[in-house]
Amino acid sequence: MKIQLRILATLVAVNSFGMLYGDQVPSNQAVAKVPADTPYAVVSRDANSEVWEKTSYEVGPDREIIPHKHRVIALASGMHYKDTNGNWVKSKELIEAFPGGAIARQGPYQVIFANNLNSAGAVDLQAPDGKRLRSNILGLGYYDRSSGKAVLIAQIQDSEGKLITPTQVLYENAVQGVNADVRYTYKKGSFEQDVILREQPPAPESYGLNSATS
């Protein structure tokens, strides 16, 4: 009699196991279809960064769909600037010609280049905070630190600018007395002015200065 009871209990357990974990799932427990991951997209921007976000999905313990957010932050100096509507847009390293000179206006700071370098305020820069910085070159000089003497060796002269690349303006033969060019380079995160000497300038001794300390 005891053996028969044990066999019956075993059959019931096996039958219950088969109903719970068998191939047939009750219709009210059907697995929901998992959506595909969304592609990464920009969700926010500021002057020097942007946030990319996507969503992935998985089935939870109660067979519900659980979303997961994934974020990547990209950083770069001068990445964006505000347009006339106050929206952040991607900066472009680009200088454009216009009748009076050239202008870089699609970045965090804007620069206007005069057609002639030999003019007051030939380079007109507006900083991201709205401050306006106007400058022009007067010439080239030597300074002797031992004596404190300074001598102007070349003065700026008329020189017409030209675009040599989308990011560079060159003023050729820009000073009188020394063969030299002036080049400006516009980048999202920097602004450069280079004086390029095309010949050796006169020695400091010709102006009464010491080459070792000038």
N, C-alpha and C. Protein backbone atom coordinates (compact mmCIF):
# COMPACT_ATOMS: atom_id res chain seq x y z
N MET A 1 0.83 -1.21 0.00
CA MET A 1 0.00 0.00 0.00
C MET A 1 0.87 1.26 0.00
N LYS A 2 1.94 1.30 0.73
CA LYS A 2 2.84 2.44 0.78
C LYS A 2 3.51 2.64 -0.57
N ILE A 3 3.87 1.58 -1.26
CA ILE A 3 4.51 1.70 -2.57
C ILE A 3 3.58 2.34 -3.58
N GLN A 4 2.33 1.99 -3.58
CA GLN A 4 1.37 2.57 -4.50
C GLN A 4 1.21 4.07 -4.28
N LEU A 5 1.19 4.54 -3.07
CA LEU A 5 1.07 5.96 -2.77
C LEU A 5 2.27 6.74 -3.29
N ARG A 6 3.43 6.16 -3.15
CA ARG A 6 4.64 6.84 -3.63
C ARG A 6 4.63 6.99 -5.15
N ILE A 7 4.20 6.00 -5.85
CA ILE A 7 4.14 6.06 -7.31
C ILE A 7 3.15 7.12 -7.76
N LEU A 8 2.03 7.20 -7.13
CA LEU A 8 1.02 8.19 -7.48
C LEU A 8 1.53 9.60 -7.25
N ALA A 9 2.24 9.86 -6.14
CA ALA A 9 2.79 11.18 -5.84
C ALA A 9 3.82 11.58 -6.89
N THR A 10 4.60 10.63 -7.34
CA THR A 10 5.60 10.92 -8.36
C THR A 10 4.95 11.30 -9.68
N LEU A 11 3.91 10.63 -10.07
CA LEU A 11 3.21 10.92 -11.31
C LEU A 11 2.59 12.31 -11.29
N VAL A 12 2.04 12.69 -10.16
CA VAL A 12 1.44 14.02 -10.03
C VAL A 12 2.50 15.10 -10.16
N ALA A 13 3.67 14.90 -9.56
CA ALA A 13 4.74 15.88 -9.63
C ALA A 13 5.25 16.05 -11.05
N VAL A 14 5.40 14.92 -11.74
CA VAL A 14 5.87 14.99 -13.11
C VAL A 14 4.86 15.70 -13.98
N ASN A 15 3.59 15.42 -13.79
CA ASN A 15 2.54 16.05 -14.57
C ASN A 15 2.50 17.56 -14.33
N SER A 16 2.68 18.01 -13.08
CA SER A 16 2.68 19.43 -12.76
C SER A 16 3.88 20.12 -13.40
N PHE A 17 5.03 19.47 -13.36
CA PHE A 17 6.23 20.02 -13.96
C PHE A 17 6.04 20.22 -15.45
N GLY A 18 5.45 19.27 -16.10
CA GLY A 18 5.22 19.35 -17.53
C GLY A 18 4.28 20.48 -17.88
N MET A 19 3.30 20.78 -17.12
CA MET A 19 2.36 21.86 -17.41
C MET A 19 3.03 23.22 -17.24
N LEU A 20 3.96 23.32 -16.28
CA LEU A 20 4.55 24.62 -16.00
C LEU A 20 5.70 24.95 -16.93
N TYR A 21 6.50 23.95 -17.27
CA TYR A 21 7.72 24.24 -18.04
C TYR A 21 7.75 23.54 -19.40
N GLY A 22 6.67 23.08 -19.85
CA GLY A 22 6.62 22.40 -21.13
C GLY A 22 6.66 23.37 -22.30
N ASP A 23 6.52 22.83 -23.49
CA ASP A 23 6.58 23.63 -24.69
C ASP A 23 5.40 24.57 -24.84
N GLN A 24 4.27 24.24 -24.29
CA GLN A 24 3.08 25.06 -24.43
C GLN A 24 3.04 26.14 -23.36
N VAL A 25 3.01 27.46 -23.79
CA VAL A 25 2.92 28.57 -22.85
C VAL A 25 1.49 29.09 -22.88
N PRO A 26 0.85 29.29 -21.72
CA PRO A 26 -0.51 29.82 -21.71
C PRO A 26 -0.58 31.13 -22.48
N SER A 27 -1.72 31.36 -23.14
CA SER A 27 -1.87 32.53 -23.99
C SER A 27 -1.74 33.83 -23.21
N ASN A 28 -2.12 33.87 -21.98
CA ASN A 28 -2.01 35.09 -21.19
C ASN A 28 -0.58 35.37 -20.76
N GLN A 29 0.39 34.49 -21.06
CA GLN A 29 1.79 34.70 -20.74
C GLN A 29 2.65 34.75 -22.02
N ALA A 30 2.06 35.10 -23.12
CA ALA A 30 2.79 35.14 -24.39
C ALA A 30 3.90 36.19 -24.33
N VAL A 31 5.06 35.89 -24.92
CA VAL A 31 6.21 36.79 -24.91
C VAL A 31 5.95 37.94 -25.89
N ALA A 32 6.13 39.20 -25.39
CA ALA A 32 5.94 40.37 -26.25
C ALA A 32 7.10 40.50 -27.23
N LYS A 33 6.84 41.08 -28.39
CA LYS A 33 7.88 41.28 -29.39
C LYS A 33 8.78 42.43 -28.96
N VAL A 34 10.10 42.20 -28.96
CA VAL A 34 11.05 43.22 -28.52
C VAL A 34 11.34 44.18 -29.67
N PRO A 35 11.13 45.49 -29.48
CA PRO A 35 11.42 46.47 -30.55
C PRO A 35 12.91 46.52 -30.86
N ALA A 36 13.23 46.91 -32.07
CA ALA A 36 14.64 47.08 -32.46
C ALA A 36 15.22 48.32 -31.77
N ASP A 37 16.53 48.31 -31.56
CA ASP A 37 17.20 49.48 -30.98
C ASP A 37 17.00 50.70 -31.88
N THR A 38 16.83 51.86 -31.27
CA THR A 38 16.74 53.09 -32.04
C THR A 38 18.17 53.52 -32.42
N PRO A 39 18.38 54.23 -33.52
CA PRO A 39 19.72 54.74 -33.86
C PRO A 39 20.12 55.88 -32.93
N TYR A 40 21.42 56.11 -32.80
CA TYR A 40 21.89 57.24 -32.01
C TYR A 40 21.44 58.55 -32.67
N ALA A 41 21.04 59.51 -31.86
CA ALA A 41 20.62 60.83 -32.33
C ALA A 41 21.02 61.87 -31.29
N VAL A 42 21.29 63.11 -31.75
CA VAL A 42 21.66 64.19 -30.85
C VAL A 42 20.42 64.67 -30.09
N VAL A 43 20.53 64.72 -28.76
CA VAL A 43 19.40 65.16 -27.94
C VAL A 43 19.66 66.50 -27.27
N SER A 44 20.92 66.95 -27.20
CA SER A 44 21.21 68.26 -26.63
C SER A 44 22.57 68.73 -27.11
N ARG A 45 22.74 70.08 -27.14
CA ARG A 45 23.98 70.69 -27.57
C ARG A 45 24.30 71.88 -26.69
N ASP A 46 25.60 72.22 -26.61
CA ASP A 46 26.01 73.51 -26.08
C ASP A 46 27.26 73.93 -26.84
N ALA A 47 27.96 74.94 -26.37
CA ALA A 47 29.07 75.50 -27.15
C ALA A 47 30.15 74.47 -27.47
N ASN A 48 30.48 73.60 -26.52
CA ASN A 48 31.63 72.71 -26.69
C ASN A 48 31.31 71.23 -26.57
N SER A 49 30.03 70.85 -26.64
CA SER A 49 29.68 69.43 -26.51
C SER A 49 28.33 69.14 -27.14
N GLU A 50 28.09 67.86 -27.37
CA GLU A 50 26.76 67.41 -27.78
C GLU A 50 26.54 66.01 -27.20
N VAL A 51 25.27 65.70 -26.88
CA VAL A 51 24.90 64.43 -26.27
C VAL A 51 24.15 63.60 -27.30
N TRP A 52 24.66 62.37 -27.54
CA TRP A 52 24.01 61.42 -28.43
C TRP A 52 23.32 60.35 -27.59
N GLU A 53 22.14 59.94 -28.01
CA GLU A 53 21.36 58.99 -27.22
C GLU A 53 20.67 57.96 -28.12
N LYS A 54 20.59 56.71 -27.63
CA LYS A 54 19.78 55.69 -28.30
C LYS A 54 19.07 54.87 -27.23
N THR A 55 18.08 54.09 -27.64
CA THR A 55 17.30 53.26 -26.72
C THR A 55 17.34 51.81 -27.18
N SER A 56 17.65 50.92 -26.24
CA SER A 56 17.55 49.49 -26.51
C SER A 56 16.47 48.91 -25.60
N TYR A 57 15.99 47.69 -25.91
CA TYR A 57 14.86 47.11 -25.18
C TYR A 57 15.17 45.66 -24.81
N GLU A 58 14.56 45.22 -23.69
CA GLU A 58 14.63 43.83 -23.30
C GLU A 58 13.33 43.42 -22.61
N VAL A 59 13.11 42.11 -22.50
CA VAL A 59 11.91 41.59 -21.84
C VAL A 59 12.20 41.41 -20.36
N GLY A 60 11.36 41.96 -19.52
CA GLY A 60 11.54 41.87 -18.08
C GLY A 60 11.01 40.57 -17.51
N PRO A 61 11.17 40.35 -16.20
CA PRO A 61 10.74 39.11 -15.56
C PRO A 61 9.24 38.87 -15.66
N ASP A 62 8.46 39.92 -15.78
CA ASP A 62 7.00 39.78 -15.94
C ASP A 62 6.59 39.87 -17.41
N ARG A 63 7.56 39.67 -18.31
CA ARG A 63 7.35 39.68 -19.76
C ARG A 63 6.95 41.06 -20.30
N GLU A 64 7.26 42.10 -19.53
CA GLU A 64 7.03 43.45 -20.01
C GLU A 64 8.28 43.95 -20.73
N ILE A 65 8.12 44.93 -21.64
CA ILE A 65 9.24 45.49 -22.38
C ILE A 65 9.88 46.59 -21.54
N ILE A 66 11.20 46.47 -21.30
CA ILE A 66 11.94 47.44 -20.49
C ILE A 66 12.90 48.21 -21.40
N PRO A 67 12.76 49.55 -21.49
CA PRO A 67 13.69 50.34 -22.30
C PRO A 67 14.95 50.70 -21.52
N HIS A 68 16.07 50.83 -22.23
CA HIS A 68 17.33 51.25 -21.62
C HIS A 68 17.92 52.38 -22.46
N LYS A 69 18.28 53.49 -21.81
CA LYS A 69 18.89 54.63 -22.49
C LYS A 69 20.41 54.49 -22.49
N HIS A 70 21.03 54.79 -23.63
CA HIS A 70 22.48 54.77 -23.76
C HIS A 70 22.91 56.15 -24.25
N ARG A 71 23.90 56.76 -23.58
CA ARG A 71 24.32 58.12 -23.94
C ARG A 71 25.83 58.18 -24.18
N VAL A 72 26.19 58.99 -25.17
CA VAL A 72 27.59 59.28 -25.47
C VAL A 72 27.73 60.80 -25.56
N ILE A 73 28.75 61.36 -24.91
CA ILE A 73 28.97 62.80 -24.93
C ILE A 73 30.23 63.08 -25.77
N ALA A 74 30.08 63.90 -26.81
CA ALA A 74 31.20 64.32 -27.65
C ALA A 74 31.65 65.71 -27.22
N LEU A 75 32.97 65.91 -27.10
CA LEU A 75 33.53 67.19 -26.64
C LEU A 75 34.50 67.74 -27.68
N ALA A 76 34.44 69.05 -27.92
CA ALA A 76 35.40 69.72 -28.80
C ALA A 76 35.26 71.23 -28.60
N SER A 77 36.38 71.94 -28.62
CA SER A 77 36.34 73.39 -28.47
C SER A 77 35.65 74.03 -29.67
N GLY A 78 34.70 74.91 -29.40
CA GLY A 78 34.01 75.62 -30.46
C GLY A 78 33.14 74.75 -31.34
N MET A 79 32.61 73.67 -30.82
CA MET A 79 31.82 72.72 -31.62
C MET A 79 30.58 73.37 -32.22
N HIS A 80 29.93 74.27 -31.47
CA HIS A 80 28.69 74.89 -31.94
C HIS A 80 28.70 76.40 -31.72
N TYR A 81 27.80 77.07 -32.41
CA TYR A 81 27.56 78.49 -32.18
C TYR A 81 26.07 78.74 -32.27
N LYS A 82 25.62 79.87 -31.73
CA LYS A 82 24.20 80.19 -31.77
C LYS A 82 23.88 80.98 -33.03
N ASP A 83 22.84 80.54 -33.74
CA ASP A 83 22.42 81.26 -34.94
C ASP A 83 21.55 82.45 -34.56
N THR A 84 21.00 83.13 -35.55
CA THR A 84 20.22 84.35 -35.28
C THR A 84 18.94 84.05 -34.50
N ASN A 85 18.51 82.79 -34.48
CA ASN A 85 17.32 82.41 -33.71
C ASN A 85 17.65 81.89 -32.31
N GLY A 86 18.94 81.92 -31.97
CA GLY A 86 19.34 81.46 -30.64
C GLY A 86 19.50 79.96 -30.52
N ASN A 87 19.56 79.24 -31.65
CA ASN A 87 19.72 77.78 -31.62
C ASN A 87 21.19 77.40 -31.81
N TRP A 88 21.61 76.35 -31.11
CA TRP A 88 22.97 75.84 -31.28
C TRP A 88 23.05 75.08 -32.60
N VAL A 89 24.01 75.45 -33.45
CA VAL A 89 24.24 74.75 -34.72
C VAL A 89 25.72 74.45 -34.85
N LYS A 90 26.05 73.46 -35.69
CA LYS A 90 27.44 73.04 -35.84
C LYS A 90 28.30 74.15 -36.45
N SER A 91 29.47 74.35 -35.86
CA SER A 91 30.41 75.35 -36.38
C SER A 91 31.05 74.84 -37.66
N LYS A 92 31.41 75.79 -38.52
CA LYS A 92 32.13 75.48 -39.76
C LYS A 92 33.41 76.31 -39.82
N GLU A 93 34.51 75.66 -40.12
CA GLU A 93 35.78 76.36 -40.31
C GLU A 93 35.80 76.87 -41.74
N LEU A 94 35.25 78.06 -41.94
CA LEU A 94 35.05 78.57 -43.28
C LEU A 94 35.16 80.09 -43.31
N ILE A 95 35.96 80.59 -44.24
CA ILE A 95 36.07 82.03 -44.51
C ILE A 95 35.45 82.30 -45.88
N GLU A 96 34.57 83.28 -45.94
CA GLU A 96 33.88 83.60 -47.19
C GLU A 96 34.28 84.99 -47.68
N ALA A 97 34.47 85.10 -48.99
CA ALA A 97 34.82 86.38 -49.58
C ALA A 97 33.57 87.24 -49.75
N PHE A 98 33.75 88.56 -49.62
CA PHE A 98 32.69 89.51 -49.96
C PHE A 98 33.38 90.75 -50.52
N PRO A 99 32.65 91.70 -51.14
CA PRO A 99 33.31 92.81 -51.84
C PRO A 99 34.31 93.61 -51.01
N GLY A 100 34.08 93.77 -49.71
CA GLY A 100 34.98 94.57 -48.90
C GLY A 100 36.08 93.79 -48.22
N GLY A 101 36.17 92.48 -48.47
CA GLY A 101 37.18 91.66 -47.81
C GLY A 101 36.71 90.22 -47.68
N ALA A 102 36.78 89.69 -46.48
CA ALA A 102 36.35 88.32 -46.23
C ALA A 102 35.81 88.23 -44.81
N ILE A 103 35.00 87.18 -44.55
CA ILE A 103 34.38 87.04 -43.24
C ILE A 103 34.27 85.57 -42.86
N ALA A 104 34.52 85.28 -41.60
CA ALA A 104 34.26 83.97 -41.01
C ALA A 104 33.13 84.17 -40.01
N ARG A 105 31.97 83.59 -40.26
CA ARG A 105 30.78 83.88 -39.45
C ARG A 105 30.02 82.64 -38.99
N GLN A 106 30.55 81.46 -39.26
CA GLN A 106 29.82 80.25 -38.89
C GLN A 106 30.56 79.48 -37.81
N GLY A 107 30.98 80.22 -36.79
CA GLY A 107 31.71 79.60 -35.68
C GLY A 107 31.44 80.33 -34.38
N PRO A 108 32.06 79.90 -33.29
CA PRO A 108 31.82 80.50 -31.98
C PRO A 108 32.27 81.96 -31.89
N TYR A 109 33.20 82.36 -32.73
CA TYR A 109 33.60 83.77 -32.85
C TYR A 109 33.60 84.13 -34.33
N GLN A 110 33.41 85.38 -34.64
CA GLN A 110 33.34 85.83 -36.01
C GLN A 110 34.50 86.80 -36.30
N VAL A 111 35.01 86.76 -37.52
CA VAL A 111 36.14 87.62 -37.90
C VAL A 111 35.86 88.24 -39.27
N ILE A 112 36.09 89.55 -39.38
CA ILE A 112 36.04 90.24 -40.67
C ILE A 112 37.46 90.65 -41.03
N PHE A 113 37.88 90.32 -42.24
CA PHE A 113 39.22 90.65 -42.74
C PHE A 113 39.07 91.76 -43.78
N ALA A 114 39.78 92.87 -43.58
CA ALA A 114 39.74 93.96 -44.55
C ALA A 114 40.40 93.53 -45.84
N ASN A 115 39.98 94.15 -46.93
CA ASN A 115 40.60 93.85 -48.22
C ASN A 115 42.07 94.26 -48.23
N ASN A 116 42.40 95.38 -47.55
CA ASN A 116 43.77 95.88 -47.47
C ASN A 116 44.26 95.77 -46.02
N LEU A 117 45.36 95.06 -45.82
CA LEU A 117 45.89 94.89 -44.46
C LEU A 117 46.36 96.22 -43.87
N ASN A 118 46.74 97.15 -44.74
CA ASN A 118 47.23 98.46 -44.29
C ASN A 118 46.04 99.40 -44.07
N SER A 119 45.21 99.05 -43.11
CA SER A 119 44.05 99.87 -42.76
C SER A 119 43.74 99.69 -41.28
N ALA A 120 43.16 100.72 -40.68
CA ALA A 120 42.85 100.66 -39.25
C ALA A 120 41.80 99.58 -38.99
N GLY A 121 42.06 98.78 -37.96
CA GLY A 121 41.12 97.71 -37.63
C GLY A 121 40.97 96.70 -38.75
N ALA A 122 42.07 96.36 -39.41
CA ALA A 122 42.01 95.45 -40.55
C ALA A 122 41.44 94.08 -40.18
N VAL A 123 41.67 93.68 -38.94
CA VAL A 123 41.11 92.42 -38.46
C VAL A 123 40.12 92.75 -37.34
N ASP A 124 38.87 92.43 -37.57
CA ASP A 124 37.78 92.78 -36.64
C ASP A 124 37.16 91.48 -36.13
N LEU A 125 37.43 91.16 -34.86
CA LEU A 125 37.00 89.89 -34.27
C LEU A 125 35.96 90.13 -33.20
N GLN A 126 34.88 89.36 -33.25
CA GLN A 126 33.87 89.40 -32.18
C GLN A 126 33.92 88.09 -31.42
N ALA A 127 34.23 88.18 -30.13
CA ALA A 127 34.41 87.00 -29.29
C ALA A 127 33.05 86.38 -28.93
N PRO A 128 33.04 85.13 -28.42
CA PRO A 128 31.79 84.48 -28.04
C PRO A 128 30.98 85.25 -27.01
N ASP A 129 31.65 86.05 -26.16
CA ASP A 129 30.93 86.82 -25.15
C ASP A 129 30.44 88.16 -25.68
N GLY A 130 30.63 88.39 -26.99
CA GLY A 130 30.15 89.63 -27.61
C GLY A 130 31.16 90.75 -27.67
N LYS A 131 32.31 90.59 -27.02
CA LYS A 131 33.34 91.64 -27.05
C LYS A 131 33.96 91.73 -28.45
N ARG A 132 34.23 92.96 -28.87
CA ARG A 132 34.77 93.21 -30.19
C ARG A 132 36.22 93.63 -30.08
N LEU A 133 37.09 92.95 -30.80
CA LEU A 133 38.53 93.21 -30.76
C LEU A 133 38.99 93.58 -32.17
N ARG A 134 39.40 94.83 -32.36
CA ARG A 134 39.88 95.30 -33.66
C ARG A 134 41.39 95.51 -33.57
N SER A 135 42.10 95.04 -34.59
CA SER A 135 43.57 95.13 -34.55
C SER A 135 44.12 95.32 -35.96
N ASN A 136 45.34 95.81 -36.00
CA ASN A 136 46.09 95.90 -37.25
C ASN A 136 47.58 95.94 -36.94
N ILE A 137 48.38 95.48 -37.88
CA ILE A 137 49.83 95.43 -37.70
C ILE A 137 50.43 96.78 -38.07
N LEU A 138 51.37 97.26 -37.25
CA LEU A 138 52.07 98.51 -37.53
C LEU A 138 53.37 98.26 -38.28
N GLY A 139 54.05 97.15 -37.94
CA GLY A 139 55.31 96.85 -38.61
C GLY A 139 56.07 95.78 -37.85
N LEU A 140 57.33 95.61 -38.21
CA LEU A 140 58.21 94.64 -37.55
C LEU A 140 59.35 95.40 -36.89
N GLY A 141 59.81 94.89 -35.76
CA GLY A 141 60.88 95.58 -35.04
C GLY A 141 61.79 94.63 -34.30
N TYR A 142 62.89 95.17 -33.84
CA TYR A 142 63.82 94.47 -32.96
C TYR A 142 63.72 95.07 -31.57
N TYR A 143 63.94 94.22 -30.57
CA TYR A 143 64.02 94.69 -29.19
C TYR A 143 65.26 94.08 -28.55
N ASP A 144 66.11 94.93 -27.99
CA ASP A 144 67.34 94.48 -27.34
C ASP A 144 67.10 94.50 -25.84
N ARG A 145 67.01 93.32 -25.24
CA ARG A 145 66.68 93.24 -23.81
C ARG A 145 67.82 93.72 -22.92
N SER A 146 69.03 93.72 -23.44
CA SER A 146 70.16 94.16 -22.62
C SER A 146 70.16 95.68 -22.46
N SER A 147 69.76 96.39 -23.49
CA SER A 147 69.77 97.85 -23.43
C SER A 147 68.37 98.46 -23.29
N GLY A 148 67.35 97.65 -23.59
CA GLY A 148 65.98 98.16 -23.55
C GLY A 148 65.60 98.96 -24.78
N LYS A 149 66.46 98.99 -25.80
CA LYS A 149 66.19 99.74 -27.02
C LYS A 149 65.30 98.93 -27.96
N ALA A 150 64.42 99.61 -28.66
CA ALA A 150 63.56 98.99 -29.67
C ALA A 150 63.64 99.80 -30.95
N VAL A 151 63.67 99.10 -32.09
CA VAL A 151 63.79 99.76 -33.38
C VAL A 151 62.77 99.16 -34.35
N LEU A 152 62.04 100.02 -35.05
CA LEU A 152 61.12 99.57 -36.09
C LEU A 152 61.92 99.37 -37.37
N ILE A 153 61.92 98.16 -37.92
CA ILE A 153 62.74 97.86 -39.10
C ILE A 153 61.91 97.76 -40.38
N ALA A 154 60.60 97.62 -40.26
CA ALA A 154 59.75 97.53 -41.45
C ALA A 154 58.34 97.97 -41.09
N GLN A 155 57.72 98.75 -41.94
CA GLN A 155 56.36 99.22 -41.71
C GLN A 155 55.38 98.50 -42.62
N ILE A 156 54.16 98.40 -42.13
CA ILE A 156 53.11 97.77 -42.93
C ILE A 156 52.87 98.59 -44.19
N GLN A 157 52.55 97.93 -45.28
CA GLN A 157 52.24 98.62 -46.52
C GLN A 157 50.97 98.00 -47.13
N ASP A 158 50.46 98.64 -48.17
CA ASP A 158 49.25 98.15 -48.82
C ASP A 158 49.47 96.71 -49.30
N SER A 159 48.52 95.86 -48.94
CA SER A 159 48.59 94.46 -49.34
C SER A 159 47.17 93.92 -49.41
N GLU A 160 46.79 93.38 -50.54
CA GLU A 160 45.44 92.86 -50.73
C GLU A 160 45.37 91.40 -50.30
N GLY A 161 44.37 91.09 -49.48
CA GLY A 161 44.23 89.72 -49.00
C GLY A 161 43.61 88.81 -50.04
N LYS A 162 43.94 87.53 -49.94
CA LYS A 162 43.32 86.54 -50.81
C LYS A 162 43.13 85.24 -50.04
N LEU A 163 42.05 84.53 -50.37
CA LEU A 163 41.77 83.24 -49.75
C LEU A 163 42.65 82.18 -50.41
N ILE A 164 43.50 81.54 -49.61
CA ILE A 164 44.36 80.48 -50.16
C ILE A 164 43.83 79.10 -49.82
N THR A 165 43.03 78.99 -48.77
CA THR A 165 42.30 77.77 -48.41
C THR A 165 40.97 78.24 -47.81
N PRO A 166 40.01 77.33 -47.58
CA PRO A 166 38.75 77.75 -46.96
C PRO A 166 38.92 78.33 -45.56
N THR A 167 40.08 78.14 -44.93
CA THR A 167 40.29 78.62 -43.57
C THR A 167 41.41 79.64 -43.44
N GLN A 168 42.03 80.07 -44.56
CA GLN A 168 43.20 80.94 -44.47
C GLN A 168 43.11 82.13 -45.43
N VAL A 169 43.52 83.30 -44.90
CA VAL A 169 43.66 84.51 -45.69
C VAL A 169 45.14 84.89 -45.70
N LEU A 170 45.68 85.21 -46.88
CA LEU A 170 47.09 85.57 -47.00
C LEU A 170 47.21 86.97 -47.58
N TYR A 171 48.04 87.80 -46.91
CA TYR A 171 48.41 89.12 -47.42
C TYR A 171 49.88 89.04 -47.82
N GLU A 172 50.16 89.10 -49.12
CA GLU A 172 51.53 88.93 -49.61
C GLU A 172 52.28 90.26 -49.59
N ASN A 173 53.61 90.16 -49.36
CA ASN A 173 54.50 91.34 -49.37
C ASN A 173 53.87 92.48 -48.57
N ALA A 174 53.55 92.17 -47.31
CA ALA A 174 52.72 93.07 -46.50
C ALA A 174 53.49 94.15 -45.76
N VAL A 175 54.82 94.09 -45.73
CA VAL A 175 55.60 95.11 -45.02
C VAL A 175 56.65 95.71 -45.94
N GLN A 176 56.99 96.95 -45.68
CA GLN A 176 57.98 97.67 -46.48
C GLN A 176 59.33 97.62 -45.79
N GLY A 177 60.34 97.12 -46.47
CA GLY A 177 61.68 97.02 -45.90
C GLY A 177 62.12 95.59 -45.68
N VAL A 178 61.19 94.66 -45.54
CA VAL A 178 61.49 93.24 -45.39
C VAL A 178 60.44 92.48 -46.21
N ASN A 179 60.90 91.52 -46.98
CA ASN A 179 59.94 90.71 -47.75
C ASN A 179 59.25 89.72 -46.82
N ALA A 180 57.99 90.00 -46.51
CA ALA A 180 57.27 89.16 -45.57
C ALA A 180 55.78 89.16 -45.90
N ASP A 181 55.14 88.01 -45.67
CA ASP A 181 53.69 87.86 -45.83
C ASP A 181 53.05 87.74 -44.45
N VAL A 182 51.76 88.00 -44.41
CA VAL A 182 50.99 87.81 -43.18
C VAL A 182 49.84 86.85 -43.49
N ARG A 183 49.72 85.81 -42.69
CA ARG A 183 48.69 84.80 -42.91
C ARG A 183 47.83 84.63 -41.66
N TYR A 184 46.51 84.56 -41.86
CA TYR A 184 45.55 84.32 -40.77
C TYR A 184 44.88 82.97 -41.00
N THR A 185 44.74 82.21 -39.91
CA THR A 185 44.09 80.89 -39.98
C THR A 185 42.93 80.86 -39.00
N TYR A 186 41.76 80.53 -39.51
CA TYR A 186 40.53 80.49 -38.70
C TYR A 186 40.15 79.04 -38.42
N LYS A 187 40.08 78.68 -37.13
CA LYS A 187 39.64 77.35 -36.70
C LYS A 187 38.53 77.51 -35.67
N LYS A 188 37.78 76.43 -35.43
CA LYS A 188 36.69 76.50 -34.46
C LYS A 188 37.19 76.84 -33.06
N GLY A 189 38.37 76.32 -32.71
CA GLY A 189 38.85 76.53 -31.36
C GLY A 189 40.10 77.38 -31.26
N SER A 190 40.50 78.04 -32.37
CA SER A 190 41.72 78.86 -32.32
C SER A 190 41.73 79.86 -33.46
N PHE A 191 42.58 80.89 -33.30
CA PHE A 191 42.76 81.91 -34.34
C PHE A 191 44.24 82.26 -34.37
N GLU A 192 44.86 82.20 -35.56
CA GLU A 192 46.31 82.38 -35.66
C GLU A 192 46.66 83.52 -36.61
N GLN A 193 47.70 84.26 -36.24
CA GLN A 193 48.31 85.26 -37.11
C GLN A 193 49.78 84.91 -37.24
N ASP A 194 50.25 84.69 -38.46
CA ASP A 194 51.64 84.32 -38.70
C ASP A 194 52.29 85.34 -39.64
N VAL A 195 53.45 85.83 -39.26
CA VAL A 195 54.28 86.66 -40.14
C VAL A 195 55.32 85.73 -40.75
N ILE A 196 55.31 85.62 -42.08
CA ILE A 196 56.18 84.68 -42.78
C ILE A 196 57.29 85.46 -43.47
N LEU A 197 58.51 85.34 -42.96
CA LEU A 197 59.65 86.04 -43.55
C LEU A 197 60.13 85.30 -44.79
N ARG A 198 60.19 86.00 -45.91
CA ARG A 198 60.63 85.41 -47.17
C ARG A 198 62.12 85.67 -47.42
N GLU A 199 62.74 86.45 -46.56
CA GLU A 199 64.18 86.71 -46.67
C GLU A 199 64.71 87.04 -45.28
N GLN A 200 66.02 86.97 -45.14
CA GLN A 200 66.66 87.30 -43.87
C GLN A 200 66.60 88.81 -43.65
N PRO A 201 66.02 89.28 -42.54
CA PRO A 201 66.00 90.72 -42.29
C PRO A 201 67.40 91.24 -41.95
N PRO A 202 67.62 92.55 -42.01
CA PRO A 202 68.93 93.11 -41.65
C PRO A 202 69.34 92.70 -40.23
N ALA A 203 70.61 92.55 -40.01
CA ALA A 203 71.11 92.16 -38.69
C ALA A 203 70.85 93.26 -37.67
N PRO A 204 70.62 92.92 -36.40
CA PRO A 204 70.41 93.93 -35.37
C PRO A 204 71.54 94.95 -35.29
N GLU A 205 72.79 94.51 -35.60
CA GLU A 205 73.93 95.42 -35.51
C GLU A 205 73.77 96.63 -36.45
N SER A 206 73.05 96.46 -37.54
CA SER A 206 72.88 97.57 -38.47
C SER A 206 71.99 98.67 -37.87
N TYR A 207 71.37 98.37 -36.75
CA TYR A 207 70.56 99.37 -36.03
C TYR A 207 71.15 99.71 -34.68
N GLY A 208 72.43 99.30 -34.46
CA GLY A 208 73.10 99.59 -33.20
C GLY A 208 72.69 98.68 -32.06
N LEU A 209 72.17 97.49 -32.38
CA LEU A 209 71.74 96.54 -31.36
C LEU A 209 72.64 95.32 -31.35
N ASN A 210 72.52 94.51 -30.31
CA ASN A 210 73.34 93.33 -30.14
C ASN A 210 72.54 92.09 -30.55
N SER A 211 73.06 91.31 -31.52
CA SER A 211 72.34 90.11 -31.99
C SER A 211 72.15 89.08 -30.88
N ALA A 212 73.07 89.03 -29.94
CA ALA A 212 72.99 88.03 -28.89
C ALA A 212 71.83 88.27 -27.93
N THR A 213 71.40 89.53 -27.84
CA THR A 213 70.34 89.85 -26.87
C THR A 213 69.11 90.48 -27.51
N SER A 214 69.03 90.42 -28.86
CA SER A 214 67.91 91.04 -29.57
C SER A 214 67.03 89.97 -30.21
